N, C-alpha and C. Protein backbone atom coordinates (compact mmCIF):
# COMPACT_ATOMS: atom_id res chain seq x y z
N MET A 1 0.13 25.48 -37.94
CA MET A 1 -0.04 25.94 -36.56
C MET A 1 1.31 26.34 -35.99
N LEU A 2 1.34 27.52 -35.33
CA LEU A 2 2.57 27.99 -34.71
C LEU A 2 2.30 28.31 -33.25
N LYS A 3 3.25 27.97 -32.41
CA LYS A 3 3.14 28.32 -31.00
C LYS A 3 4.10 29.44 -30.71
N ASN A 4 3.67 30.43 -29.93
CA ASN A 4 4.63 31.40 -29.44
C ASN A 4 5.22 30.86 -28.16
N HIS A 5 6.03 31.65 -27.48
CA HIS A 5 6.80 31.13 -26.35
C HIS A 5 6.46 31.83 -25.04
N ILE A 6 5.24 32.39 -24.94
CA ILE A 6 4.85 32.98 -23.66
C ILE A 6 3.49 32.46 -23.21
N GLY A 7 3.13 31.28 -23.74
CA GLY A 7 1.96 30.61 -23.22
C GLY A 7 0.64 30.93 -23.90
N ARG A 8 0.64 31.68 -24.98
CA ARG A 8 -0.61 31.92 -25.69
C ARG A 8 -1.05 30.66 -26.42
N LYS A 9 -2.31 30.66 -26.84
CA LYS A 9 -2.81 29.53 -27.60
C LYS A 9 -2.08 29.45 -28.94
N PRO A 10 -1.98 28.23 -29.52
CA PRO A 10 -1.39 28.11 -30.85
C PRO A 10 -2.16 28.95 -31.87
N LEU A 11 -1.44 29.50 -32.83
CA LEU A 11 -2.05 30.35 -33.84
C LEU A 11 -2.13 29.60 -35.16
N MET A 12 -3.28 29.69 -35.82
CA MET A 12 -3.48 29.01 -37.09
C MET A 12 -3.41 30.04 -38.23
N PHE A 13 -2.61 29.75 -39.24
CA PHE A 13 -2.49 30.66 -40.37
C PHE A 13 -2.63 29.89 -41.67
N PRO A 14 -3.30 30.48 -42.67
CA PRO A 14 -3.21 29.92 -44.02
C PRO A 14 -1.76 30.03 -44.48
N LYS A 15 -1.32 29.07 -45.27
CA LYS A 15 0.07 29.08 -45.72
C LYS A 15 0.47 30.37 -46.45
N PRO A 16 -0.39 30.92 -47.35
CA PRO A 16 -0.01 32.17 -48.01
C PRO A 16 0.22 33.32 -47.01
N THR A 17 -0.61 33.37 -45.97
CA THR A 17 -0.43 34.41 -44.94
C THR A 17 0.90 34.22 -44.23
N LEU A 18 1.21 32.99 -43.88
CA LEU A 18 2.46 32.69 -43.19
C LEU A 18 3.66 33.09 -44.04
N GLU A 19 3.59 32.81 -45.34
CA GLU A 19 4.70 33.15 -46.23
C GLU A 19 4.87 34.67 -46.33
N ARG A 20 3.75 35.41 -46.36
CA ARG A 20 3.85 36.86 -46.41
C ARG A 20 4.40 37.42 -45.10
N LEU A 21 4.01 36.85 -43.97
CA LEU A 21 4.54 37.30 -42.68
C LEU A 21 6.06 37.12 -42.62
N LYS A 22 6.56 36.08 -43.23
CA LYS A 22 8.02 35.89 -43.32
C LYS A 22 8.65 37.04 -44.12
N LEU A 23 7.99 37.43 -45.20
CA LEU A 23 8.50 38.55 -46.02
C LEU A 23 8.49 39.85 -45.22
N TYR A 24 7.43 40.07 -44.45
CA TYR A 24 7.35 41.28 -43.64
C TYR A 24 8.51 41.31 -42.64
N TYR A 25 8.79 40.18 -42.04
CA TYR A 25 9.87 40.11 -41.06
C TYR A 25 11.21 40.46 -41.71
N ALA A 26 11.47 39.87 -42.87
CA ALA A 26 12.73 40.14 -43.57
C ALA A 26 12.83 41.61 -43.96
N LEU A 27 11.73 42.21 -44.40
CA LEU A 27 11.72 43.62 -44.77
C LEU A 27 11.99 44.50 -43.56
N LEU A 28 11.32 44.23 -42.46
CA LEU A 28 11.46 45.06 -41.26
C LEU A 28 12.88 45.03 -40.70
N LEU A 29 13.57 43.92 -40.89
CA LEU A 29 14.95 43.83 -40.39
C LEU A 29 15.87 44.84 -41.07
N THR A 30 15.47 45.31 -42.25
CA THR A 30 16.33 46.25 -43.00
C THR A 30 16.03 47.71 -42.67
N GLU A 31 15.00 47.95 -41.87
CA GLU A 31 14.57 49.32 -41.58
C GLU A 31 15.30 49.90 -40.36
N ASN A 32 15.62 51.19 -40.45
CA ASN A 32 16.29 51.88 -39.34
C ASN A 32 15.42 52.98 -38.73
N LYS A 33 14.11 52.90 -38.98
CA LYS A 33 13.19 53.89 -38.42
C LYS A 33 12.25 53.20 -37.44
N ASP A 34 11.38 54.00 -36.81
CA ASP A 34 10.51 53.46 -35.76
C ASP A 34 9.16 52.98 -36.28
N TYR A 35 8.66 53.57 -37.37
CA TYR A 35 7.32 53.23 -37.85
C TYR A 35 7.33 52.96 -39.36
N ILE A 36 6.40 52.13 -39.77
CA ILE A 36 6.23 51.85 -41.20
C ILE A 36 4.73 51.65 -41.46
N SER A 37 4.25 52.16 -42.57
CA SER A 37 2.82 52.06 -42.89
C SER A 37 2.53 50.81 -43.71
N SER A 38 1.28 50.40 -43.71
CA SER A 38 0.88 49.27 -44.55
C SER A 38 1.06 49.62 -46.02
N ASP A 39 0.86 50.89 -46.37
CA ASP A 39 1.08 51.31 -47.76
C ASP A 39 2.53 51.10 -48.18
N GLU A 40 3.45 51.44 -47.28
CA GLU A 40 4.86 51.30 -47.62
C GLU A 40 5.26 49.83 -47.73
N ILE A 41 4.78 49.02 -46.81
CA ILE A 41 5.07 47.58 -46.89
C ILE A 41 4.53 47.02 -48.20
N ALA A 42 3.29 47.39 -48.51
CA ALA A 42 2.65 46.90 -49.73
C ALA A 42 3.40 47.30 -50.98
N LYS A 43 3.84 48.55 -51.01
CA LYS A 43 4.57 49.05 -52.18
C LYS A 43 5.88 48.30 -52.35
N ARG A 44 6.59 48.09 -51.24
CA ARG A 44 7.89 47.42 -51.31
C ARG A 44 7.76 45.96 -51.75
N LEU A 45 6.65 45.31 -51.35
CA LEU A 45 6.47 43.88 -51.64
C LEU A 45 5.50 43.62 -52.78
N LYS A 46 4.99 44.71 -53.38
CA LYS A 46 4.10 44.61 -54.55
C LYS A 46 2.84 43.79 -54.23
N ILE A 47 2.22 44.12 -53.10
CA ILE A 47 0.92 43.58 -52.75
C ILE A 47 0.02 44.75 -52.35
N THR A 48 -1.20 44.48 -51.91
CA THR A 48 -2.11 45.58 -51.57
C THR A 48 -2.00 45.93 -50.08
N PRO A 49 -2.22 47.21 -49.73
CA PRO A 49 -2.23 47.59 -48.32
C PRO A 49 -3.29 46.83 -47.52
N GLU A 50 -4.43 46.55 -48.17
CA GLU A 50 -5.49 45.80 -47.50
C GLU A 50 -5.01 44.42 -47.09
N GLN A 51 -4.22 43.78 -47.96
CA GLN A 51 -3.69 42.46 -47.64
C GLN A 51 -2.72 42.52 -46.47
N VAL A 52 -1.87 43.55 -46.47
CA VAL A 52 -0.91 43.73 -45.37
C VAL A 52 -1.67 43.87 -44.05
N ARG A 53 -2.67 44.74 -44.04
CA ARG A 53 -3.42 44.97 -42.79
C ARG A 53 -4.15 43.70 -42.34
N LYS A 54 -4.68 42.95 -43.30
CA LYS A 54 -5.38 41.71 -42.96
C LYS A 54 -4.41 40.70 -42.35
N ASP A 55 -3.21 40.59 -42.93
CA ASP A 55 -2.21 39.64 -42.41
C ASP A 55 -1.79 40.02 -41.00
N ILE A 56 -1.52 41.31 -40.79
CA ILE A 56 -1.02 41.76 -39.50
C ILE A 56 -2.11 41.72 -38.43
N SER A 57 -3.37 41.71 -38.88
CA SER A 57 -4.47 41.64 -37.91
C SER A 57 -4.47 40.31 -37.15
N HIS A 58 -3.76 39.31 -37.67
CA HIS A 58 -3.64 38.03 -36.97
C HIS A 58 -2.74 38.16 -35.73
N LEU A 59 -1.96 39.23 -35.68
CA LEU A 59 -1.00 39.41 -34.59
C LEU A 59 -1.57 40.31 -33.51
N ASN A 60 -0.92 40.31 -32.37
CA ASN A 60 -1.38 41.11 -31.23
C ASN A 60 -0.78 42.51 -31.30
N ILE A 61 -1.09 43.22 -32.37
CA ILE A 61 -0.55 44.56 -32.57
C ILE A 61 -1.48 45.35 -33.48
N THR A 62 -1.57 46.63 -33.24
CA THR A 62 -2.37 47.51 -34.10
C THR A 62 -1.52 48.70 -34.51
N GLY A 63 -1.83 49.25 -35.68
CA GLY A 63 -1.11 50.42 -36.16
C GLY A 63 -1.74 51.71 -35.67
N LYS A 64 -0.98 52.80 -35.81
CA LYS A 64 -1.49 54.12 -35.46
C LYS A 64 -1.91 54.84 -36.74
N PRO A 65 -3.10 55.46 -36.73
CA PRO A 65 -3.55 56.19 -37.93
C PRO A 65 -2.52 57.24 -38.36
N LYS A 66 -2.24 57.27 -39.66
CA LYS A 66 -1.32 58.22 -40.30
C LYS A 66 0.13 58.04 -39.86
N VAL A 67 0.40 57.04 -39.05
CA VAL A 67 1.77 56.77 -38.61
C VAL A 67 2.22 55.38 -39.05
N GLY A 68 1.38 54.39 -38.79
CA GLY A 68 1.70 53.03 -39.20
C GLY A 68 2.00 52.13 -38.01
N TYR A 69 2.75 51.09 -38.26
CA TYR A 69 3.08 50.10 -37.24
C TYR A 69 4.42 50.42 -36.60
N HIS A 70 4.49 50.23 -35.29
CA HIS A 70 5.75 50.41 -34.56
C HIS A 70 6.65 49.23 -34.90
N ILE A 71 7.75 49.50 -35.61
CA ILE A 71 8.57 48.43 -36.15
C ILE A 71 9.15 47.52 -35.07
N PRO A 72 9.73 48.05 -33.98
CA PRO A 72 10.25 47.13 -32.95
C PRO A 72 9.17 46.22 -32.37
N SER A 73 7.96 46.77 -32.18
CA SER A 73 6.88 45.95 -31.64
C SER A 73 6.43 44.89 -32.63
N LEU A 74 6.35 45.27 -33.90
CA LEU A 74 5.94 44.31 -34.92
C LEU A 74 7.00 43.22 -35.09
N LEU A 75 8.27 43.62 -35.06
CA LEU A 75 9.35 42.64 -35.11
C LEU A 75 9.28 41.69 -33.91
N GLY A 76 8.95 42.24 -32.76
CA GLY A 76 8.83 41.42 -31.56
C GLY A 76 7.72 40.38 -31.70
N GLU A 77 6.58 40.81 -32.23
CA GLU A 77 5.46 39.87 -32.44
C GLU A 77 5.85 38.77 -33.42
N LEU A 78 6.49 39.17 -34.53
CA LEU A 78 6.88 38.18 -35.53
C LEU A 78 7.98 37.26 -35.01
N SER A 79 8.89 37.81 -34.20
CA SER A 79 9.94 36.99 -33.61
C SER A 79 9.34 35.92 -32.70
N GLU A 80 8.33 36.31 -31.94
CA GLU A 80 7.64 35.34 -31.08
C GLU A 80 6.91 34.30 -31.91
N LEU A 81 6.25 34.75 -32.95
CA LEU A 81 5.49 33.85 -33.81
C LEU A 81 6.38 32.76 -34.40
N PHE A 82 7.56 33.17 -34.88
CA PHE A 82 8.46 32.22 -35.53
C PHE A 82 9.46 31.59 -34.58
N GLY A 83 9.34 31.90 -33.28
CA GLY A 83 10.25 31.28 -32.31
C GLY A 83 11.67 31.78 -32.41
N ILE A 84 11.85 32.99 -32.92
CA ILE A 84 13.20 33.51 -33.13
C ILE A 84 13.87 33.86 -31.82
N SER A 85 13.07 34.18 -30.81
CA SER A 85 13.65 34.53 -29.51
C SER A 85 14.24 33.32 -28.80
N VAL A 86 13.91 32.13 -29.29
CA VAL A 86 14.47 30.89 -28.74
C VAL A 86 15.42 30.30 -29.77
N THR A 87 16.66 30.06 -29.38
CA THR A 87 17.65 29.53 -30.32
C THR A 87 17.45 28.04 -30.52
N ASP A 88 17.33 27.63 -31.77
CA ASP A 88 17.27 26.22 -32.13
C ASP A 88 18.61 25.80 -32.72
N ASN A 89 19.17 24.73 -32.18
CA ASN A 89 20.38 24.16 -32.75
C ASN A 89 20.03 23.31 -33.96
N ILE A 90 20.86 23.40 -34.99
CA ILE A 90 20.62 22.66 -36.23
C ILE A 90 21.89 21.95 -36.63
N ILE A 91 21.75 20.78 -37.25
CA ILE A 91 22.90 20.07 -37.81
C ILE A 91 22.72 19.98 -39.32
N ILE A 92 23.84 19.82 -40.01
CA ILE A 92 23.84 19.69 -41.47
C ILE A 92 24.49 18.36 -41.82
N VAL A 93 23.84 17.60 -42.69
CA VAL A 93 24.42 16.36 -43.19
C VAL A 93 24.77 16.57 -44.65
N GLY A 94 26.07 16.47 -44.94
CA GLY A 94 26.57 16.72 -46.29
C GLY A 94 27.50 17.91 -46.29
N ALA A 95 28.81 17.64 -46.38
CA ALA A 95 29.81 18.71 -46.31
C ALA A 95 30.36 19.08 -47.67
N GLY A 96 29.52 18.92 -48.70
CA GLY A 96 29.91 19.37 -50.04
C GLY A 96 29.76 20.87 -50.17
N GLY A 97 29.68 21.35 -51.40
CA GLY A 97 29.60 22.79 -51.62
C GLY A 97 28.39 23.43 -50.98
N LEU A 98 27.21 22.83 -51.16
CA LEU A 98 25.98 23.41 -50.63
C LEU A 98 25.94 23.34 -49.10
N GLY A 99 26.27 22.17 -48.57
CA GLY A 99 26.26 22.02 -47.12
C GLY A 99 27.26 22.94 -46.44
N SER A 100 28.44 23.08 -47.04
CA SER A 100 29.46 23.96 -46.47
C SER A 100 29.03 25.41 -46.51
N ALA A 101 28.41 25.81 -47.62
CA ALA A 101 27.91 27.19 -47.73
C ALA A 101 26.84 27.46 -46.68
N LEU A 102 25.97 26.49 -46.48
CA LEU A 102 24.91 26.63 -45.48
C LEU A 102 25.51 26.76 -44.08
N ALA A 103 26.52 25.97 -43.80
CA ALA A 103 27.16 26.01 -42.48
C ALA A 103 27.82 27.35 -42.21
N ARG A 104 28.28 28.01 -43.27
CA ARG A 104 28.97 29.30 -43.11
C ARG A 104 28.02 30.49 -43.12
N TYR A 105 26.75 30.25 -43.37
CA TYR A 105 25.80 31.35 -43.50
C TYR A 105 25.64 32.09 -42.18
N LYS A 106 25.93 33.39 -42.18
CA LYS A 106 25.90 34.19 -40.95
C LYS A 106 24.50 34.67 -40.58
N GLY A 107 23.57 34.62 -41.52
CA GLY A 107 22.24 35.14 -41.26
C GLY A 107 21.41 34.31 -40.29
N PHE A 108 21.85 33.08 -40.01
CA PHE A 108 21.09 32.25 -39.07
C PHE A 108 20.96 32.89 -37.70
N GLU A 109 21.99 33.64 -37.30
CA GLU A 109 21.99 34.25 -35.97
C GLU A 109 20.80 35.19 -35.78
N LYS A 110 20.37 35.84 -36.86
CA LYS A 110 19.28 36.80 -36.78
C LYS A 110 17.92 36.14 -36.62
N ILE A 111 17.85 34.86 -36.92
CA ILE A 111 16.54 34.18 -36.87
C ILE A 111 16.52 33.05 -35.85
N GLY A 112 17.41 33.12 -34.87
CA GLY A 112 17.37 32.18 -33.77
C GLY A 112 17.78 30.77 -34.11
N VAL A 113 18.75 30.63 -35.03
CA VAL A 113 19.24 29.30 -35.42
C VAL A 113 20.76 29.27 -35.28
N LYS A 114 21.27 28.16 -34.76
CA LYS A 114 22.72 28.00 -34.62
C LYS A 114 23.12 26.63 -35.18
N VAL A 115 24.04 26.64 -36.14
CA VAL A 115 24.57 25.38 -36.68
C VAL A 115 25.62 24.86 -35.70
N VAL A 116 25.37 23.68 -35.14
CA VAL A 116 26.29 23.15 -34.12
C VAL A 116 27.17 22.03 -34.63
N ALA A 117 26.84 21.46 -35.80
CA ALA A 117 27.68 20.36 -36.32
C ALA A 117 27.37 20.14 -37.79
N ILE A 118 28.37 19.62 -38.49
CA ILE A 118 28.19 19.21 -39.89
C ILE A 118 28.78 17.80 -40.04
N PHE A 119 28.08 16.96 -40.79
CA PHE A 119 28.45 15.54 -40.92
C PHE A 119 28.66 15.15 -42.37
N ASP A 120 29.45 14.09 -42.55
CA ASP A 120 29.62 13.50 -43.88
C ASP A 120 30.11 12.07 -43.69
N ASN A 121 29.93 11.25 -44.73
CA ASN A 121 30.46 9.88 -44.66
C ASN A 121 31.69 9.69 -45.52
N ASP A 122 32.21 10.79 -46.10
CA ASP A 122 33.42 10.75 -46.93
C ASP A 122 34.64 10.86 -46.02
N SER A 123 35.46 9.83 -46.01
CA SER A 123 36.63 9.81 -45.12
C SER A 123 37.59 10.95 -45.40
N GLU A 124 37.59 11.47 -46.63
CA GLU A 124 38.49 12.58 -46.96
C GLU A 124 37.99 13.91 -46.40
N LYS A 125 36.70 13.99 -46.12
CA LYS A 125 36.14 15.22 -45.55
C LYS A 125 36.10 15.19 -44.03
N ILE A 126 35.93 14.00 -43.46
CA ILE A 126 35.85 13.87 -42.01
C ILE A 126 37.15 14.34 -41.37
N GLY A 127 37.03 15.21 -40.40
CA GLY A 127 38.22 15.75 -39.73
C GLY A 127 38.69 17.07 -40.31
N THR A 128 38.18 17.46 -41.48
CA THR A 128 38.49 18.77 -42.03
C THR A 128 37.53 19.79 -41.41
N PHE A 129 37.79 21.07 -41.68
CA PHE A 129 36.97 22.11 -41.07
C PHE A 129 36.15 22.87 -42.11
N VAL A 130 34.91 23.18 -41.74
CA VAL A 130 34.07 24.10 -42.50
C VAL A 130 33.84 25.28 -41.56
N GLY A 131 34.52 26.37 -41.82
CA GLY A 131 34.51 27.47 -40.86
C GLY A 131 35.13 26.98 -39.55
N GLU A 132 34.38 27.11 -38.46
CA GLU A 132 34.87 26.66 -37.15
C GLU A 132 34.41 25.25 -36.81
N LEU A 133 33.65 24.63 -37.70
CA LEU A 133 33.10 23.30 -37.42
C LEU A 133 33.93 22.20 -38.06
N MET A 134 34.27 21.19 -37.26
CA MET A 134 34.94 20.01 -37.82
C MET A 134 33.89 19.08 -38.41
N VAL A 135 34.17 18.56 -39.59
CA VAL A 135 33.26 17.60 -40.21
C VAL A 135 33.33 16.28 -39.44
N LEU A 136 32.17 15.83 -38.98
CA LEU A 136 32.08 14.64 -38.13
C LEU A 136 31.54 13.45 -38.91
N PRO A 137 31.86 12.23 -38.48
CA PRO A 137 31.27 11.05 -39.10
C PRO A 137 29.83 10.86 -38.64
N LEU A 138 29.04 10.16 -39.43
CA LEU A 138 27.64 9.93 -39.08
C LEU A 138 27.50 9.12 -37.80
N SER A 139 28.54 8.39 -37.43
CA SER A 139 28.48 7.61 -36.19
C SER A 139 28.39 8.51 -34.96
N ASP A 140 28.68 9.81 -35.12
CA ASP A 140 28.60 10.76 -34.00
C ASP A 140 27.23 11.43 -33.89
N LEU A 141 26.31 11.09 -34.78
CA LEU A 141 25.01 11.76 -34.82
C LEU A 141 24.27 11.74 -33.49
N GLN A 142 24.12 10.56 -32.92
CA GLN A 142 23.32 10.43 -31.70
C GLN A 142 23.90 11.24 -30.56
N ARG A 143 25.22 11.21 -30.44
CA ARG A 143 25.90 11.96 -29.37
C ARG A 143 25.62 13.45 -29.51
N VAL A 144 25.75 13.98 -30.73
CA VAL A 144 25.55 15.41 -30.96
C VAL A 144 24.09 15.81 -30.76
N VAL A 145 23.17 15.02 -31.31
CA VAL A 145 21.75 15.32 -31.17
C VAL A 145 21.35 15.38 -29.70
N LYS A 146 21.84 14.43 -28.92
CA LYS A 146 21.51 14.38 -27.50
C LYS A 146 22.16 15.52 -26.73
N ARG A 147 23.43 15.78 -26.99
CA ARG A 147 24.17 16.79 -26.23
C ARG A 147 23.62 18.19 -26.47
N PHE A 148 23.31 18.51 -27.73
CA PHE A 148 22.87 19.87 -28.07
C PHE A 148 21.36 19.99 -28.21
N LYS A 149 20.64 18.91 -27.88
CA LYS A 149 19.18 18.92 -27.96
C LYS A 149 18.71 19.39 -29.34
N VAL A 150 19.27 18.80 -30.37
CA VAL A 150 18.99 19.19 -31.75
C VAL A 150 17.65 18.61 -32.20
N ARG A 151 16.83 19.46 -32.80
CA ARG A 151 15.54 19.01 -33.35
C ARG A 151 15.49 19.11 -34.88
N ILE A 152 16.38 19.92 -35.46
CA ILE A 152 16.33 20.22 -36.89
C ILE A 152 17.60 19.75 -37.58
N ALA A 153 17.44 19.13 -38.75
CA ALA A 153 18.61 18.73 -39.55
C ALA A 153 18.40 19.15 -40.99
N ALA A 154 19.44 19.70 -41.59
CA ALA A 154 19.42 20.04 -43.01
C ALA A 154 20.15 18.94 -43.77
N ILE A 155 19.54 18.47 -44.85
CA ILE A 155 20.13 17.40 -45.66
C ILE A 155 20.64 17.98 -46.96
N CYS A 156 21.94 17.85 -47.18
CA CYS A 156 22.58 18.35 -48.40
C CYS A 156 23.40 17.22 -49.01
N VAL A 157 22.74 16.12 -49.32
CA VAL A 157 23.42 14.92 -49.81
C VAL A 157 22.87 14.57 -51.19
N PRO A 158 23.56 13.67 -51.93
CA PRO A 158 23.04 13.26 -53.24
C PRO A 158 21.69 12.55 -53.12
N GLU A 159 20.96 12.56 -54.21
CA GLU A 159 19.61 11.99 -54.24
C GLU A 159 19.57 10.56 -53.73
N GLU A 160 20.54 9.75 -54.13
CA GLU A 160 20.50 8.33 -53.80
C GLU A 160 20.73 8.06 -52.31
N SER A 161 21.26 9.04 -51.59
CA SER A 161 21.53 8.86 -50.16
C SER A 161 20.49 9.52 -49.27
N ALA A 162 19.62 10.34 -49.85
CA ALA A 162 18.77 11.22 -49.05
C ALA A 162 17.80 10.47 -48.14
N GLN A 163 17.12 9.45 -48.67
CA GLN A 163 16.15 8.74 -47.83
C GLN A 163 16.82 7.97 -46.71
N GLU A 164 17.95 7.36 -47.01
CA GLU A 164 18.68 6.63 -45.96
C GLU A 164 19.12 7.58 -44.85
N VAL A 165 19.61 8.75 -45.21
CA VAL A 165 20.03 9.74 -44.22
C VAL A 165 18.82 10.23 -43.42
N THR A 166 17.71 10.45 -44.11
CA THR A 166 16.49 10.88 -43.43
C THR A 166 16.06 9.86 -42.38
N ASP A 167 16.05 8.60 -42.77
CA ASP A 167 15.65 7.53 -41.83
C ASP A 167 16.57 7.50 -40.62
N LEU A 168 17.86 7.69 -40.86
CA LEU A 168 18.84 7.69 -39.76
C LEU A 168 18.60 8.87 -38.82
N LEU A 169 18.34 10.04 -39.38
CA LEU A 169 18.10 11.23 -38.56
C LEU A 169 16.86 11.07 -37.69
N VAL A 170 15.80 10.56 -38.29
CA VAL A 170 14.57 10.33 -37.52
C VAL A 170 14.82 9.33 -36.40
N GLU A 171 15.57 8.27 -36.71
CA GLU A 171 15.91 7.26 -35.71
C GLU A 171 16.68 7.86 -34.53
N LYS A 172 17.51 8.87 -34.82
CA LYS A 172 18.34 9.48 -33.78
C LYS A 172 17.62 10.62 -33.03
N GLY A 173 16.37 10.87 -33.40
CA GLY A 173 15.59 11.83 -32.62
C GLY A 173 15.30 13.17 -33.27
N ILE A 174 15.70 13.35 -34.53
CA ILE A 174 15.42 14.61 -35.22
C ILE A 174 13.93 14.73 -35.50
N LYS A 175 13.37 15.94 -35.29
CA LYS A 175 11.94 16.16 -35.43
C LYS A 175 11.56 16.93 -36.70
N ALA A 176 12.54 17.56 -37.34
CA ALA A 176 12.24 18.36 -38.54
C ALA A 176 13.39 18.22 -39.53
N ILE A 177 13.05 17.98 -40.79
CA ILE A 177 14.02 17.81 -41.86
C ILE A 177 13.91 18.98 -42.83
N TRP A 178 15.04 19.65 -43.06
CA TRP A 178 15.13 20.71 -44.06
C TRP A 178 15.88 20.12 -45.24
N ASN A 179 15.18 19.78 -46.29
CA ASN A 179 15.73 18.97 -47.37
C ASN A 179 16.21 19.80 -48.56
N PHE A 180 17.51 19.74 -48.81
CA PHE A 180 18.09 20.38 -49.98
C PHE A 180 18.46 19.35 -51.05
N ALA A 181 18.24 18.08 -50.77
CA ALA A 181 18.55 17.03 -51.73
C ALA A 181 17.47 16.97 -52.81
N PRO A 182 17.85 16.65 -54.05
CA PRO A 182 16.86 16.56 -55.13
C PRO A 182 16.12 15.23 -55.08
N ALA A 183 15.41 15.00 -53.97
CA ALA A 183 14.74 13.72 -53.77
C ALA A 183 13.41 13.94 -53.07
N ILE A 184 12.45 13.08 -53.36
CA ILE A 184 11.17 13.08 -52.66
C ILE A 184 11.33 12.19 -51.44
N LEU A 185 11.24 12.78 -50.27
CA LEU A 185 11.49 12.05 -49.04
C LEU A 185 10.17 11.62 -48.38
N HIS A 186 10.26 10.52 -47.66
CA HIS A 186 9.12 10.03 -46.90
C HIS A 186 9.50 10.02 -45.43
N VAL A 187 8.66 10.66 -44.62
CA VAL A 187 8.94 10.74 -43.19
C VAL A 187 7.72 10.25 -42.41
N PRO A 188 7.93 9.76 -41.19
CA PRO A 188 6.79 9.30 -40.39
C PRO A 188 5.88 10.46 -40.00
N SER A 189 4.67 10.12 -39.63
CA SER A 189 3.73 11.12 -39.13
C SER A 189 4.32 11.81 -37.91
N GLY A 190 4.19 13.13 -37.87
CA GLY A 190 4.72 13.90 -36.75
C GLY A 190 6.08 14.50 -37.01
N ILE A 191 6.75 14.08 -38.09
CA ILE A 191 8.05 14.66 -38.47
C ILE A 191 7.81 15.74 -39.51
N LEU A 192 8.34 16.93 -39.27
CA LEU A 192 8.18 18.03 -40.21
C LEU A 192 9.17 17.91 -41.36
N LEU A 193 8.72 18.22 -42.56
CA LEU A 193 9.57 18.15 -43.74
C LEU A 193 9.39 19.41 -44.57
N GLU A 194 10.48 20.11 -44.82
CA GLU A 194 10.47 21.32 -45.65
C GLU A 194 11.45 21.10 -46.79
N ASN A 195 10.95 21.14 -48.02
CA ASN A 195 11.80 20.89 -49.19
C ASN A 195 12.25 22.19 -49.83
N GLU A 196 13.54 22.29 -50.09
CA GLU A 196 14.11 23.40 -50.86
C GLU A 196 14.56 22.83 -52.19
N ASP A 197 13.66 22.84 -53.15
CA ASP A 197 13.93 22.19 -54.43
C ASP A 197 14.56 23.17 -55.40
N ILE A 198 15.88 23.11 -55.53
CA ILE A 198 16.62 24.04 -56.39
C ILE A 198 16.26 23.82 -57.85
N THR A 199 16.13 22.55 -58.25
CA THR A 199 15.79 22.25 -59.64
C THR A 199 14.42 22.81 -60.00
N ARG A 200 13.43 22.57 -59.14
CA ARG A 200 12.08 23.06 -59.40
C ARG A 200 12.06 24.59 -59.44
N GLY A 201 12.86 25.21 -58.59
CA GLY A 201 12.91 26.66 -58.55
C GLY A 201 13.42 27.26 -59.86
N ILE A 202 14.53 26.73 -60.36
CA ILE A 202 15.10 27.30 -61.58
C ILE A 202 14.23 26.96 -62.79
N LEU A 203 13.57 25.80 -62.79
CA LEU A 203 12.66 25.46 -63.89
C LEU A 203 11.47 26.41 -63.91
N SER A 204 10.97 26.78 -62.73
CA SER A 204 9.86 27.74 -62.66
C SER A 204 10.29 29.08 -63.23
N ILE A 205 11.52 29.52 -62.88
CA ILE A 205 12.03 30.79 -63.40
C ILE A 205 12.17 30.73 -64.92
N LYS A 206 12.74 29.63 -65.43
CA LYS A 206 12.90 29.49 -66.88
C LYS A 206 11.54 29.52 -67.59
N HIS A 207 10.55 28.85 -67.00
CA HIS A 207 9.22 28.81 -67.59
C HIS A 207 8.61 30.21 -67.66
N MET A 208 8.73 30.96 -66.56
CA MET A 208 8.17 32.31 -66.52
C MET A 208 8.89 33.23 -67.49
N LEU A 209 10.20 33.07 -67.62
CA LEU A 209 10.94 33.87 -68.59
C LEU A 209 10.50 33.59 -70.01
N ASP A 210 10.28 32.29 -70.31
CA ASP A 210 9.82 31.93 -71.65
C ASP A 210 8.44 32.52 -71.95
N LYS A 211 7.57 32.55 -70.93
CA LYS A 211 6.22 33.10 -71.13
C LYS A 211 6.28 34.60 -71.40
N LYS A 212 7.27 35.27 -70.78
CA LYS A 212 7.42 36.73 -70.97
C LYS A 212 7.99 37.02 -72.35
N GLY A 213 8.65 36.01 -72.94
CA GLY A 213 9.24 36.21 -74.26
C GLY A 213 10.57 36.90 -74.13
């Protein structure tokens, strides 16, 4: 379920539809023209035009015959759907290679996300800088979460620390966990959890390559 930010009712989407809508948004960001057809979207993403039209029919927008969808309007609908027009502050726990790379990622600005702090428990990292952000101790978590009204935290810590960090984040008021740690996390009901499993991803790729021969 997704809520937009102008008072409409929550929208319900099947997960595959939601994932394709994310792809449409990323594709449209690269376009410098005013209109795009369902055929063109389908060709670029290797799906059917019928599927594209069915997915977009969930939104408050219609295409023009022989012209297609108005890209700024479609981007606007998708931006509302994903809450991109509202900036969400995010914190990162783990100032190693992955966490530091995530903190430096410039693409967050395009999707309504701002990294406001990065944390670590390594005394050698605390006080150093990742881009413009000083690495903070975990003892500063509550202050930062409260001051910046943070709801989202990315976890980039070793497997053995991930659950403990998750529990601490939830205790301090975080509502959504973006997990990059190679660990199966347990969160209370009502807390959102999104796993980015790098190991599973590369194993899937290796498996598919082996099947192709």
